[in-house]
N, C-alpha and C. Protein backbone atom coordinates (compact mmCIF):
# COMPACT_ATOMS: atom_id res chain seq x y z
N MET A 1 10.43 -10.69 35.91
CA MET A 1 9.73 -11.30 34.79
C MET A 1 9.06 -10.20 33.96
N LYS A 2 9.29 -10.24 32.67
CA LYS A 2 8.73 -9.24 31.76
C LYS A 2 7.27 -9.58 31.47
N LYS A 3 6.42 -8.56 31.54
CA LYS A 3 5.01 -8.80 31.24
C LYS A 3 4.80 -8.83 29.73
N GLN A 4 3.78 -9.54 29.32
CA GLN A 4 3.43 -9.65 27.91
C GLN A 4 2.91 -8.30 27.40
N PRO A 5 3.23 -7.95 26.16
CA PRO A 5 2.68 -6.73 25.59
C PRO A 5 1.14 -6.78 25.60
N ALA A 6 0.53 -5.68 25.95
CA ALA A 6 -0.93 -5.61 26.00
C ALA A 6 -1.52 -5.73 24.59
N ILE A 7 -0.78 -5.26 23.63
CA ILE A 7 -1.23 -5.30 22.24
C ILE A 7 -0.13 -5.95 21.43
N SER A 8 -0.47 -7.01 20.74
CA SER A 8 0.55 -7.68 19.93
C SER A 8 0.38 -7.28 18.47
N VAL A 9 1.49 -7.20 17.79
CA VAL A 9 1.48 -6.85 16.37
C VAL A 9 2.28 -7.89 15.61
N PRO A 10 1.93 -8.11 14.35
CA PRO A 10 2.68 -9.07 13.55
C PRO A 10 4.15 -8.65 13.44
N LYS A 11 5.02 -9.63 13.24
CA LYS A 11 6.46 -9.39 13.19
C LYS A 11 6.84 -8.31 12.18
N GLU A 12 6.25 -8.37 10.98
CA GLU A 12 6.58 -7.38 9.95
C GLU A 12 6.20 -5.97 10.38
N LYS A 13 5.03 -5.83 11.00
CA LYS A 13 4.58 -4.52 11.47
C LYS A 13 5.47 -4.03 12.59
N ARG A 14 5.88 -4.93 13.48
CA ARG A 14 6.77 -4.56 14.58
C ARG A 14 8.10 -4.05 14.03
N GLU A 15 8.62 -4.71 13.02
CA GLU A 15 9.87 -4.27 12.40
C GLU A 15 9.71 -2.89 11.78
N GLU A 16 8.55 -2.62 11.17
CA GLU A 16 8.27 -1.29 10.61
C GLU A 16 8.23 -0.24 11.73
N MET A 17 7.64 -0.60 12.84
CA MET A 17 7.55 0.32 13.97
C MET A 17 8.93 0.62 14.54
N LEU A 18 9.76 -0.40 14.66
CA LEU A 18 11.12 -0.20 15.16
C LEU A 18 11.91 0.70 14.21
N ALA A 19 11.74 0.49 12.91
CA ALA A 19 12.42 1.34 11.93
C ALA A 19 11.92 2.79 12.04
N ALA A 20 10.62 2.96 12.30
CA ALA A 20 10.06 4.31 12.45
C ALA A 20 10.64 5.01 13.68
N ILE A 21 10.81 4.26 14.76
CA ILE A 21 11.40 4.83 15.98
C ILE A 21 12.83 5.26 15.71
N LYS A 22 13.59 4.41 15.05
CA LYS A 22 14.97 4.75 14.73
C LYS A 22 15.04 5.97 13.82
N ARG A 23 14.16 6.03 12.83
CA ARG A 23 14.12 7.15 11.90
C ARG A 23 13.77 8.44 12.64
N TYR A 24 12.80 8.36 13.54
CA TYR A 24 12.42 9.53 14.32
C TYR A 24 13.60 10.06 15.12
N TYR A 25 14.27 9.17 15.83
CA TYR A 25 15.42 9.60 16.63
C TYR A 25 16.50 10.22 15.75
N SER A 26 16.72 9.63 14.60
CA SER A 26 17.74 10.15 13.70
C SER A 26 17.38 11.53 13.17
N GLU A 27 16.13 11.69 12.71
CA GLU A 27 15.71 12.95 12.10
C GLU A 27 15.39 14.03 13.12
N ALA A 28 14.65 13.70 14.16
CA ALA A 28 14.17 14.72 15.10
C ALA A 28 15.17 14.99 16.23
N GLN A 29 15.91 13.97 16.62
CA GLN A 29 16.80 14.13 17.75
C GLN A 29 18.28 14.19 17.34
N GLY A 30 18.55 13.88 16.08
CA GLY A 30 19.93 13.86 15.62
C GLY A 30 20.76 12.78 16.27
N GLU A 31 20.08 11.71 16.67
CA GLU A 31 20.75 10.62 17.40
C GLU A 31 20.40 9.29 16.74
N ASP A 32 21.41 8.50 16.46
CA ASP A 32 21.17 7.15 15.96
C ASP A 32 21.07 6.22 17.16
N ILE A 33 20.02 5.42 17.17
CA ILE A 33 19.86 4.47 18.26
C ILE A 33 19.87 3.06 17.69
N GLY A 34 20.21 2.11 18.53
CA GLY A 34 20.30 0.72 18.11
C GLY A 34 18.99 -0.02 18.31
N ASP A 35 19.05 -1.28 17.96
CA ASP A 35 17.87 -2.15 18.07
C ASP A 35 17.37 -2.26 19.51
N LEU A 36 18.28 -2.38 20.46
CA LEU A 36 17.88 -2.56 21.85
C LEU A 36 17.09 -1.35 22.36
N LYS A 37 17.60 -0.16 22.15
CA LYS A 37 16.92 1.05 22.63
C LYS A 37 15.57 1.21 21.95
N ALA A 38 15.51 0.97 20.64
CA ALA A 38 14.24 1.08 19.91
C ALA A 38 13.25 0.04 20.42
N THR A 39 13.72 -1.17 20.67
CA THR A 39 12.85 -2.24 21.17
C THR A 39 12.32 -1.91 22.55
N LEU A 40 13.17 -1.40 23.43
CA LEU A 40 12.72 -1.04 24.77
C LEU A 40 11.67 0.06 24.73
N LEU A 41 11.87 1.04 23.85
CA LEU A 41 10.88 2.12 23.71
C LEU A 41 9.57 1.59 23.15
N LEU A 42 9.64 0.74 22.13
CA LEU A 42 8.42 0.17 21.56
C LEU A 42 7.69 -0.69 22.58
N ASP A 43 8.42 -1.47 23.35
CA ASP A 43 7.78 -2.29 24.39
C ASP A 43 7.10 -1.42 25.44
N PHE A 44 7.75 -0.33 25.83
CA PHE A 44 7.14 0.60 26.79
C PHE A 44 5.84 1.17 26.25
N VAL A 45 5.88 1.65 25.02
CA VAL A 45 4.67 2.23 24.42
C VAL A 45 3.58 1.18 24.30
N THR A 46 3.94 -0.01 23.85
CA THR A 46 2.97 -1.08 23.65
C THR A 46 2.35 -1.53 24.97
N GLU A 47 3.16 -1.66 26.00
CA GLU A 47 2.68 -2.18 27.27
C GLU A 47 2.00 -1.13 28.14
N ASP A 48 2.54 0.08 28.15
CA ASP A 48 2.08 1.07 29.11
C ASP A 48 1.19 2.17 28.53
N LEU A 49 1.38 2.53 27.28
CA LEU A 49 0.62 3.64 26.70
C LEU A 49 -0.48 3.21 25.74
N ALA A 50 -0.19 2.23 24.91
CA ALA A 50 -1.15 1.82 23.88
C ALA A 50 -2.51 1.40 24.44
N PRO A 51 -2.57 0.70 25.59
CA PRO A 51 -3.89 0.31 26.09
C PRO A 51 -4.83 1.50 26.33
N ALA A 52 -4.29 2.64 26.74
CA ALA A 52 -5.13 3.83 26.95
C ALA A 52 -5.69 4.33 25.63
N PHE A 53 -4.87 4.32 24.57
CA PHE A 53 -5.35 4.73 23.25
C PHE A 53 -6.40 3.74 22.73
N TYR A 54 -6.14 2.46 22.93
CA TYR A 54 -7.08 1.42 22.50
C TYR A 54 -8.42 1.60 23.21
N ASN A 55 -8.37 1.75 24.54
CA ASN A 55 -9.60 1.91 25.31
C ASN A 55 -10.37 3.15 24.89
N GLN A 56 -9.65 4.25 24.59
CA GLN A 56 -10.33 5.45 24.12
C GLN A 56 -11.01 5.20 22.78
N GLY A 57 -10.35 4.46 21.91
CA GLY A 57 -10.94 4.12 20.62
C GLY A 57 -12.21 3.29 20.78
N VAL A 58 -12.17 2.32 21.70
CA VAL A 58 -13.36 1.50 21.97
C VAL A 58 -14.48 2.38 22.52
N SER A 59 -14.14 3.26 23.44
CA SER A 59 -15.14 4.16 24.02
C SER A 59 -15.74 5.07 22.95
N ASP A 60 -14.91 5.63 22.11
CA ASP A 60 -15.40 6.50 21.03
C ASP A 60 -16.31 5.73 20.07
N ALA A 61 -15.92 4.50 19.74
CA ALA A 61 -16.74 3.68 18.84
C ALA A 61 -18.09 3.36 19.47
N CYS A 62 -18.10 3.05 20.77
CA CYS A 62 -19.36 2.77 21.47
C CYS A 62 -20.26 3.99 21.47
N GLN A 63 -19.67 5.15 21.75
CA GLN A 63 -20.46 6.38 21.75
C GLN A 63 -21.05 6.64 20.37
N TYR A 64 -20.25 6.47 19.34
CA TYR A 64 -20.72 6.67 17.97
C TYR A 64 -21.86 5.71 17.64
N MET A 65 -21.67 4.44 17.99
CA MET A 65 -22.71 3.45 17.70
C MET A 65 -23.99 3.76 18.46
N ASN A 66 -23.87 4.19 19.71
CA ASN A 66 -25.06 4.56 20.49
C ASN A 66 -25.81 5.72 19.83
N GLU A 67 -25.06 6.69 19.33
CA GLU A 67 -25.69 7.82 18.64
C GLU A 67 -26.40 7.35 17.37
N MET A 68 -25.80 6.43 16.65
CA MET A 68 -26.42 5.92 15.42
C MET A 68 -27.69 5.13 15.75
N VAL A 69 -27.66 4.34 16.82
CA VAL A 69 -28.85 3.59 17.23
C VAL A 69 -29.96 4.55 17.62
N GLU A 70 -29.62 5.60 18.35
CA GLU A 70 -30.62 6.59 18.72
C GLU A 70 -31.24 7.23 17.49
N ASP A 71 -30.40 7.54 16.49
CA ASP A 71 -30.91 8.12 15.24
C ASP A 71 -31.88 7.16 14.54
N VAL A 72 -31.52 5.88 14.52
CA VAL A 72 -32.39 4.89 13.88
C VAL A 72 -33.70 4.77 14.64
N LEU A 73 -33.65 4.82 15.98
CA LEU A 73 -34.86 4.69 16.77
C LEU A 73 -35.81 5.88 16.57
N THR A 74 -35.29 7.01 16.15
CA THR A 74 -36.18 8.16 15.90
C THR A 74 -37.02 7.93 14.65
N LEU A 75 -36.68 6.93 13.87
CA LEU A 75 -37.44 6.63 12.66
C LEU A 75 -38.70 5.80 12.96
N GLN A 76 -38.81 5.32 14.19
CA GLN A 76 -40.00 4.52 14.56
C GLN A 76 -41.24 5.38 14.45
N LYS A 77 -42.34 4.72 14.07
CA LYS A 77 -43.62 5.41 13.95
C LYS A 77 -44.54 5.00 15.05
């Protein structure tokens, strides 16, 4: 049973991503790949790699917000 993607994207954006993967393979690797290979790669990235990037982004945003709150608290008299 295939697991659900951890991050879902709208259909149009997914199609853009698949086109980008195909373009990358064509330009950087000199290899044309089909829809199936591009879809499998996108699913792998979405399911297995993207959550780590997402979590890092959340962590970075929390750290930034904490720093801003600390800065505001220094304004107390």
